[in-house]
Amino acid sequence: MKYEQLWAPWRLSYIQGEKADANAQPRPLQFLPGADADCFICQAVADAADRDRFVVHRGQHVISLLNLYPYNNGHLLIAPVAHCANMHELSDAQHLALAQEATQMIRLLERVVEPEGFNVGLNLGRVAGAGLPGHLHWHIVPRWNGDTNFMPTLAAIKVIPQSLEALWQLLTEELAKTT
């Protein structure tokens, strides 16, 4: 198989681990009780700068944001606002809010990016693939016929055709129309 090279500079920060800009002035964040200041989901919950954090929607118990390192265009993360690692830590209200949010975000993605299907999943624990094992989060990954596998290890090319900024703009504009 002949491989083509795809320039994807946004992946480097993921591979190397993100480093803060030494000249940047961080915004003061108001963390919830029990939050982890090093957790990017807790940071998004504590920061009102939704565009900077790619937060698509906030609810009383849940937050939805674009995955910074998507498997496919439109890859969303849905998480409880409370920092918790295990499903049994969630209240009934949080469970319900997460299920309702997943339904709402799938319908939003259907309108905006028109996928043919979805992978919806949760990885519990690092050995199960959780990159952030301390904060539960569900992945909603839009799928199209002919795209490569969910987490490709071998493929001739993988292209995500839309920037996170452009997708965030489309999703939040569409969501504003329906709420």
C-alpha atoms as a PDB file:
ATOM      1  CA  MET A   1       0.000   0.000   0.000  1.00  0.00           C
ATOM      2  CA  LYS A   2       1.313   3.428  -0.909  1.00  0.00           C
ATOM      3  CA  TYR A   3       1.084   5.954   1.914  1.00  0.00           C
ATOM      4  CA  GLU A   4       0.457   9.618   1.439  1.00  0.00           C
ATOM      5  CA  GLN A   5       1.628  12.230   3.890  1.00  0.00           C
ATOM      6  CA  LEU A   6      -0.890  14.536   5.504  1.00  0.00           C
ATOM      7  CA  TRP A   7       0.376  17.615   7.296  1.00  0.00           C
ATOM      8  CA  ALA A   8      -1.453  17.830  10.638  1.00  0.00           C
ATOM      9  CA  PRO A   9       0.438  20.275  12.884  1.00  0.00           C
ATOM     10  CA  TRP A  10      -2.327  20.408  15.497  1.00  0.00           C
ATOM     11  CA  ARG A  11      -1.437  16.829  16.491  1.00  0.00           C
ATOM     12  CA  LEU A  12       2.060  17.775  17.700  1.00  0.00           C
ATOM     13  CA  SER A  13       0.832  19.364  20.921  1.00  0.00           C
ATOM     14  CA  TYR A  14      -1.044  16.131  21.687  1.00  0.00           C
ATOM     15  CA  ILE A  15       2.003  13.958  20.986  1.00  0.00           C
ATOM     16  CA  GLN A  16       4.401  16.132  22.973  1.00  0.00           C
ATOM     17  CA  GLY A  17       1.956  17.114  25.676  1.00  0.00           C
ATOM     18  CA  GLU A  18       0.609  20.641  25.634  1.00  0.00           C
ATOM     19  CA  LYS A  19       2.912  23.308  26.973  1.00  0.00           C
ATOM     20  CA  ALA A  20       1.611  26.637  28.180  1.00  0.00           C
ATOM     21  CA  ASP A  21       2.699  29.793  26.376  1.00  0.00           C
ATOM     22  CA  ALA A  22       5.211  31.466  28.724  1.00  0.00           C
ATOM     23  CA  ASN A  23       3.949  34.944  27.721  1.00  0.00           C
ATOM     24  CA  ALA A  24       0.250  34.198  28.033  1.00  0.00           C
ATOM     25  CA  GLN A  25      -1.630  35.662  30.973  1.00  0.00           C
ATOM     26  CA  PRO A  26      -3.958  32.946  32.274  1.00  0.00           C
ATOM     27  CA  ARG A  27      -7.527  33.897  33.112  1.00  0.00           C
ATOM     28  CA  PRO A  28      -8.471  33.285  36.726  1.00  0.00           C
ATOM     29  CA  LEU A  29     -10.728  30.240  36.856  1.00  0.00           C
ATOM     30  CA  GLN A  30     -13.457  29.557  39.383  1.00  0.00           C
ATOM     31  CA  PHE A  31     -13.261  25.806  39.905  1.00  0.00           C
ATOM     32  CA  LEU A  32     -16.160  23.869  41.366  1.00  0.00           C
ATOM     33  CA  PRO A  33     -15.600  22.031  44.664  1.00  0.00           C
ATOM     34  CA  GLY A  34     -13.786  18.754  43.959  1.00  0.00           C
ATOM     35  CA  ALA A  35     -12.496  19.915  40.557  1.00  0.00           C
ATOM     36  CA  ASP A  36      -9.009  19.038  39.344  1.00  0.00           C
ATOM     37  CA  ALA A  37      -7.164  22.163  38.161  1.00  0.00           C
ATOM     38  CA  ASP A  38      -5.110  20.024  35.729  1.00  0.00           C
ATOM     39  CA  CYS A  39      -8.219  18.475  34.100  1.00  0.00           C
ATOM     40  CA  PHE A  40      -9.102  20.114  30.768  1.00  0.00           C
ATOM     41  CA  ILE A  41     -12.811  19.388  31.325  1.00  0.00           C
ATOM     42  CA  CYS A  42     -12.748  21.016  34.771  1.00  0.00           C
ATOM     43  CA  GLN A  43     -10.891  23.952  33.197  1.00  0.00           C
ATOM     44  CA  ALA A  44     -13.623  24.274  30.550  1.00  0.00           C
ATOM     45  CA  VAL A  45     -16.322  24.135  33.255  1.00  0.00           C
ATOM     46  CA  ALA A  46     -14.515  26.892  35.203  1.00  0.00           C
ATOM     47  CA  ASP A  47     -13.827  29.130  32.200  1.00  0.00           C
ATOM     48  CA  ALA A  48     -16.554  31.228  30.575  1.00  0.00           C
ATOM     49  CA  ALA A  49     -14.516  31.513  27.339  1.00  0.00           C
ATOM     50  CA  ASP A  50     -16.543  28.913  25.429  1.00  0.00           C
ATOM     51  CA  ARG A  51     -14.996  29.723  22.042  1.00  0.00           C
ATOM     52  CA  ASP A  52     -11.446  29.332  23.386  1.00  0.00           C
ATOM     53  CA  ARG A  53     -12.330  26.017  25.053  1.00  0.00           C
ATOM     54  CA  PHE A  54     -14.597  24.849  22.163  1.00  0.00           C
ATOM     55  CA  VAL A  55     -17.516  24.420  24.545  1.00  0.00           C
ATOM     56  CA  VAL A  56     -20.618  23.762  22.446  1.00  0.00           C
ATOM     57  CA  HIS A  57     -23.173  23.600  25.265  1.00  0.00           C
ATOM     58  CA  ARG A  58     -23.414  23.919  29.043  1.00  0.00           C
ATOM     59  CA  GLY A  59     -26.124  22.589  31.297  1.00  0.00           C
ATOM     60  CA  GLN A  60     -26.603  22.415  35.037  1.00  0.00           C
ATOM     61  CA  HIS A  61     -25.021  18.937  35.217  1.00  0.00           C
ATOM     62  CA  VAL A  62     -23.273  18.540  31.865  1.00  0.00           C
ATOM     63  CA  ILE A  63     -20.865  20.167  29.439  1.00  0.00           C
ATOM     64  CA  SER A  64     -20.288  19.353  25.756  1.00  0.00           C
ATOM     65  CA  LEU A  65     -17.134  20.335  23.939  1.00  0.00           C
ATOM     66  CA  LEU A  66     -15.259  19.537  20.773  1.00  0.00           C
ATOM     67  CA  ASN A  67     -12.460  17.012  21.107  1.00  0.00           C
ATOM     68  CA  LEU A  68      -9.184  18.836  20.428  1.00  0.00           C
ATOM     69  CA  TYR A  69      -7.757  15.653  18.873  1.00  0.00           C
ATOM     70  CA  PRO A  70     -10.747  14.278  16.945  1.00  0.00           C
ATOM     71  CA  TYR A  71     -11.063  10.856  15.388  1.00  0.00           C
ATOM     72  CA  ASN A  72     -13.486  12.354  12.850  1.00  0.00           C
ATOM     73  CA  ASN A  73     -14.953  15.735  12.049  1.00  0.00           C
ATOM     74  CA  GLY A  74     -17.568  16.650  14.667  1.00  0.00           C
ATOM     75  CA  HIS A  75     -16.092  14.485  17.463  1.00  0.00           C
ATOM     76  CA  LEU A  76     -17.696  15.741  20.688  1.00  0.00           C
ATOM     77  CA  LEU A  77     -17.063  15.000  24.342  1.00  0.00           C
ATOM     78  CA  ILE A  78     -19.941  15.034  26.818  1.00  0.00           C
ATOM     79  CA  ALA A  79     -19.049  15.113  30.496  1.00  0.00           C
ATOM     80  CA  PRO A  80     -20.573  15.807  33.869  1.00  0.00           C
ATOM     81  CA  VAL A  81     -19.560  19.221  35.210  1.00  0.00           C
ATOM     82  CA  ALA A  82     -18.530  17.482  38.439  1.00  0.00           C
ATOM     83  CA  HIS A  83     -15.092  15.894  38.359  1.00  0.00           C
ATOM     84  CA  CYS A  84     -15.709  12.185  38.880  1.00  0.00           C
ATOM     85  CA  ALA A  85     -14.101   9.045  37.524  1.00  0.00           C
ATOM     86  CA  ASN A  86     -16.789   6.414  38.084  1.00  0.00           C
ATOM     87  CA  MET A  87     -20.352   6.093  36.902  1.00  0.00           C
ATOM     88  CA  HIS A  88     -21.574   5.130  40.369  1.00  0.00           C
ATOM     89  CA  GLU A  89     -20.526   8.601  41.574  1.00  0.00           C
ATOM     90  CA  LEU A  90     -23.205  10.214  39.379  1.00  0.00           C
ATOM     91  CA  SER A  91     -26.603  11.136  40.753  1.00  0.00           C
ATOM     92  CA  ASP A  92     -29.779  10.126  38.943  1.00  0.00           C
ATOM     93  CA  ALA A  93     -30.130  13.727  37.753  1.00  0.00           C
ATOM     94  CA  GLN A  94     -26.597  13.664  36.315  1.00  0.00           C
ATOM     95  CA  HIS A  95     -27.204  10.330  34.545  1.00  0.00           C
ATOM     96  CA  LEU A  96     -30.394  11.686  33.008  1.00  0.00           C
ATOM     97  CA  ALA A  97     -28.751  14.973  31.984  1.00  0.00           C
ATOM     98  CA  LEU A  98     -25.886  13.101  30.287  1.00  0.00           C
ATOM     99  CA  ALA A  99     -28.283  10.848  28.340  1.00  0.00           C
ATOM    100  CA  GLN A 100     -30.383  13.838  27.285  1.00  0.00           C
ATOM    101  CA  GLU A 101     -27.275  15.789  26.279  1.00  0.00           C
ATOM    102  CA  ALA A 102     -26.016  12.890  24.148  1.00  0.00           C
ATOM    103  CA  THR A 103     -29.375  12.794  22.364  1.00  0.00           C
ATOM    104  CA  GLN A 104     -29.341  16.567  21.821  1.00  0.00           C
ATOM    105  CA  MET A 105     -25.744  16.606  20.530  1.00  0.00           C
ATOM    106  CA  ILE A 106     -26.385  13.690  18.150  1.00  0.00           C
ATOM    107  CA  ARG A 107     -29.393  15.538  16.705  1.00  0.00           C
ATOM    108  CA  LEU A 108     -27.278  18.705  16.401  1.00  0.00           C
ATOM    109  CA  LEU A 109     -24.515  16.844  14.555  1.00  0.00           C
ATOM    110  CA  GLU A 110     -27.105  15.225  12.269  1.00  0.00           C
ATOM    111  CA  ARG A 111     -28.272  18.697  11.205  1.00  0.00           C
ATOM    112  CA  VAL A 112     -24.832  20.286  10.878  1.00  0.00           C
ATOM    113  CA  VAL A 113     -22.418  17.637   9.551  1.00  0.00           C
ATOM    114  CA  GLU A 114     -24.953  15.071   8.231  1.00  0.00           C
ATOM    115  CA  PRO A 115     -23.208  11.838   9.254  1.00  0.00           C
ATOM    116  CA  GLU A 116     -24.507   8.400   8.308  1.00  0.00           C
ATOM    117  CA  GLY A 117     -23.974   6.985  11.799  1.00  0.00           C
ATOM    118  CA  PHE A 118     -22.227   7.474  15.117  1.00  0.00           C
ATOM    119  CA  ASN A 119     -19.881   5.782  17.528  1.00  0.00           C
ATOM    120  CA  VAL A 120     -20.922   6.682  21.073  1.00  0.00           C
ATOM    121  CA  GLY A 121     -18.706   5.377  23.829  1.00  0.00           C
ATOM    122  CA  LEU A 122     -17.106   5.704  27.203  1.00  0.00           C
ATOM    123  CA  ASN A 123     -13.684   4.439  28.266  1.00  0.00           C
ATOM    124  CA  LEU A 124     -13.469   3.649  31.981  1.00  0.00           C
ATOM    125  CA  GLY A 125      -9.875   3.571  33.221  1.00  0.00           C
ATOM    126  CA  ARG A 126      -6.563   4.118  31.480  1.00  0.00           C
ATOM    127  CA  VAL A 127      -6.220   0.436  30.455  1.00  0.00           C
ATOM    128  CA  ALA A 128      -9.593   0.755  28.700  1.00  0.00           C
ATOM    129  CA  GLY A 129      -8.298   3.683  26.651  1.00  0.00           C
ATOM    130  CA  ALA A 130      -9.298   6.643  28.816  1.00  0.00           C
ATOM    131  CA  GLY A 131      -6.877   9.467  28.093  1.00  0.00           C
ATOM    132  CA  LEU A 132      -8.400  11.364  31.013  1.00  0.00           C
ATOM    133  CA  PRO A 133      -9.314   8.634  33.488  1.00  0.00           C
ATOM    134  CA  GLY A 134     -10.221  11.030  36.313  1.00  0.00           C
ATOM    135  CA  HIS A 135     -13.165  12.722  34.597  1.00  0.00           C
ATOM    136  CA  LEU A 136     -15.881  10.647  32.949  1.00  0.00           C
ATOM    137  CA  HIS A 137     -16.649  11.664  29.389  1.00  0.00           C
ATOM    138  CA  TRP A 138     -18.546  10.142  26.508  1.00  0.00           C
ATOM    139  CA  HIS A 139     -17.283  10.340  22.951  1.00  0.00           C
ATOM    140  CA  ILE A 140     -19.739  11.060  20.166  1.00  0.00           C
ATOM    141  CA  VAL A 141     -17.992  10.411  16.863  1.00  0.00           C
ATOM    142  CA  PRO A 142     -19.852  11.035  13.593  1.00  0.00           C
ATOM    143  CA  ARG A 143     -19.267   8.354  10.946  1.00  0.00           C
ATOM    144  CA  TRP A 144     -19.650   8.192   7.177  1.00  0.00           C
ATOM    145  CA  ASN A 145     -19.685   5.254   4.820  1.00  0.00           C
ATOM    146  CA  GLY A 146     -16.149   4.761   3.584  1.00  0.00           C
ATOM    147  CA  ASP A 147     -14.378   6.650   6.356  1.00  0.00           C
ATOM    148  CA  THR A 148     -11.528   4.809   7.987  1.00  0.00           C
ATOM    149  CA  ASN A 149     -11.976   2.747  11.115  1.00  0.00           C
ATOM    150  CA  PHE A 150     -12.904   4.366  14.454  1.00  0.00           C
ATOM    151  CA  MET A 151      -9.298   4.591  15.643  1.00  0.00           C
ATOM    152  CA  PRO A 152      -7.219   3.808  12.576  1.00  0.00           C
ATOM    153  CA  THR A 153      -3.843   2.275  13.045  1.00  0.00           C
ATOM    154  CA  LEU A 154      -3.200   1.616   9.372  1.00  0.00           C
ATOM    155  CA  ALA A 155      -4.606   3.804   6.637  1.00  0.00           C
ATOM    156  CA  ALA A 156      -3.334   5.396   3.481  1.00  0.00           C
ATOM    157  CA  ILE A 157      -4.645   8.788   4.535  1.00  0.00           C
ATOM    158  CA  LYS A 158      -6.878  10.359   7.157  1.00  0.00           C
ATOM    159  CA  VAL A 159      -8.343  13.790   6.577  1.00  0.00           C
ATOM    160  CA  ILE A 160     -10.460  15.886   8.903  1.00  0.00           C
ATOM    161  CA  PRO A 161     -11.690  18.560   6.515  1.00  0.00           C
ATOM    162  CA  GLN A 162     -12.823  21.264   8.912  1.00  0.00           C
ATOM    163  CA  SER A 163     -11.087  23.335  11.571  1.00  0.00           C
ATOM    164  CA  LEU A 164     -12.315  23.187  15.155  1.00  0.00           C
ATOM    165  CA  GLU A 165     -13.056  26.925  15.013  1.00  0.00           C
ATOM    166  CA  ALA A 166     -15.282  26.603  11.921  1.00  0.00           C
ATOM    167  CA  LEU A 167     -17.117  23.592  13.337  1.00  0.00           C
ATOM    168  CA  TRP A 168     -17.615  25.273  16.733  1.00  0.00           C
ATOM    169  CA  GLN A 169     -19.148  28.279  14.959  1.00  0.00           C
ATOM    170  CA  LEU A 170     -21.587  26.099  12.973  1.00  0.00           C
ATOM    171  CA  LEU A 171     -22.621  24.000  15.973  1.00  0.00           C
ATOM    172  CA  THR A 172     -23.186  26.900  18.344  1.00  0.00           C
ATOM    173  CA  GLU A 173     -25.123  28.895  15.709  1.00  0.00           C
ATOM    174  CA  GLU A 174     -27.389  25.903  15.000  1.00  0.00           C
ATOM    175  CA  LEU A 175     -27.854  25.183  18.690  1.00  0.00           C
ATOM    176  CA  ALA A 176     -28.852  28.821  19.318  1.00  0.00           C
ATOM    177  CA  LYS A 177     -31.629  28.454  16.719  1.00  0.00           C
ATOM    178  CA  THR A 178     -33.194  25.519  18.576  1.00  0.00           C
ATOM    179  CA  THR A 179     -32.981  26.670  22.190  1.00  0.00           C
END
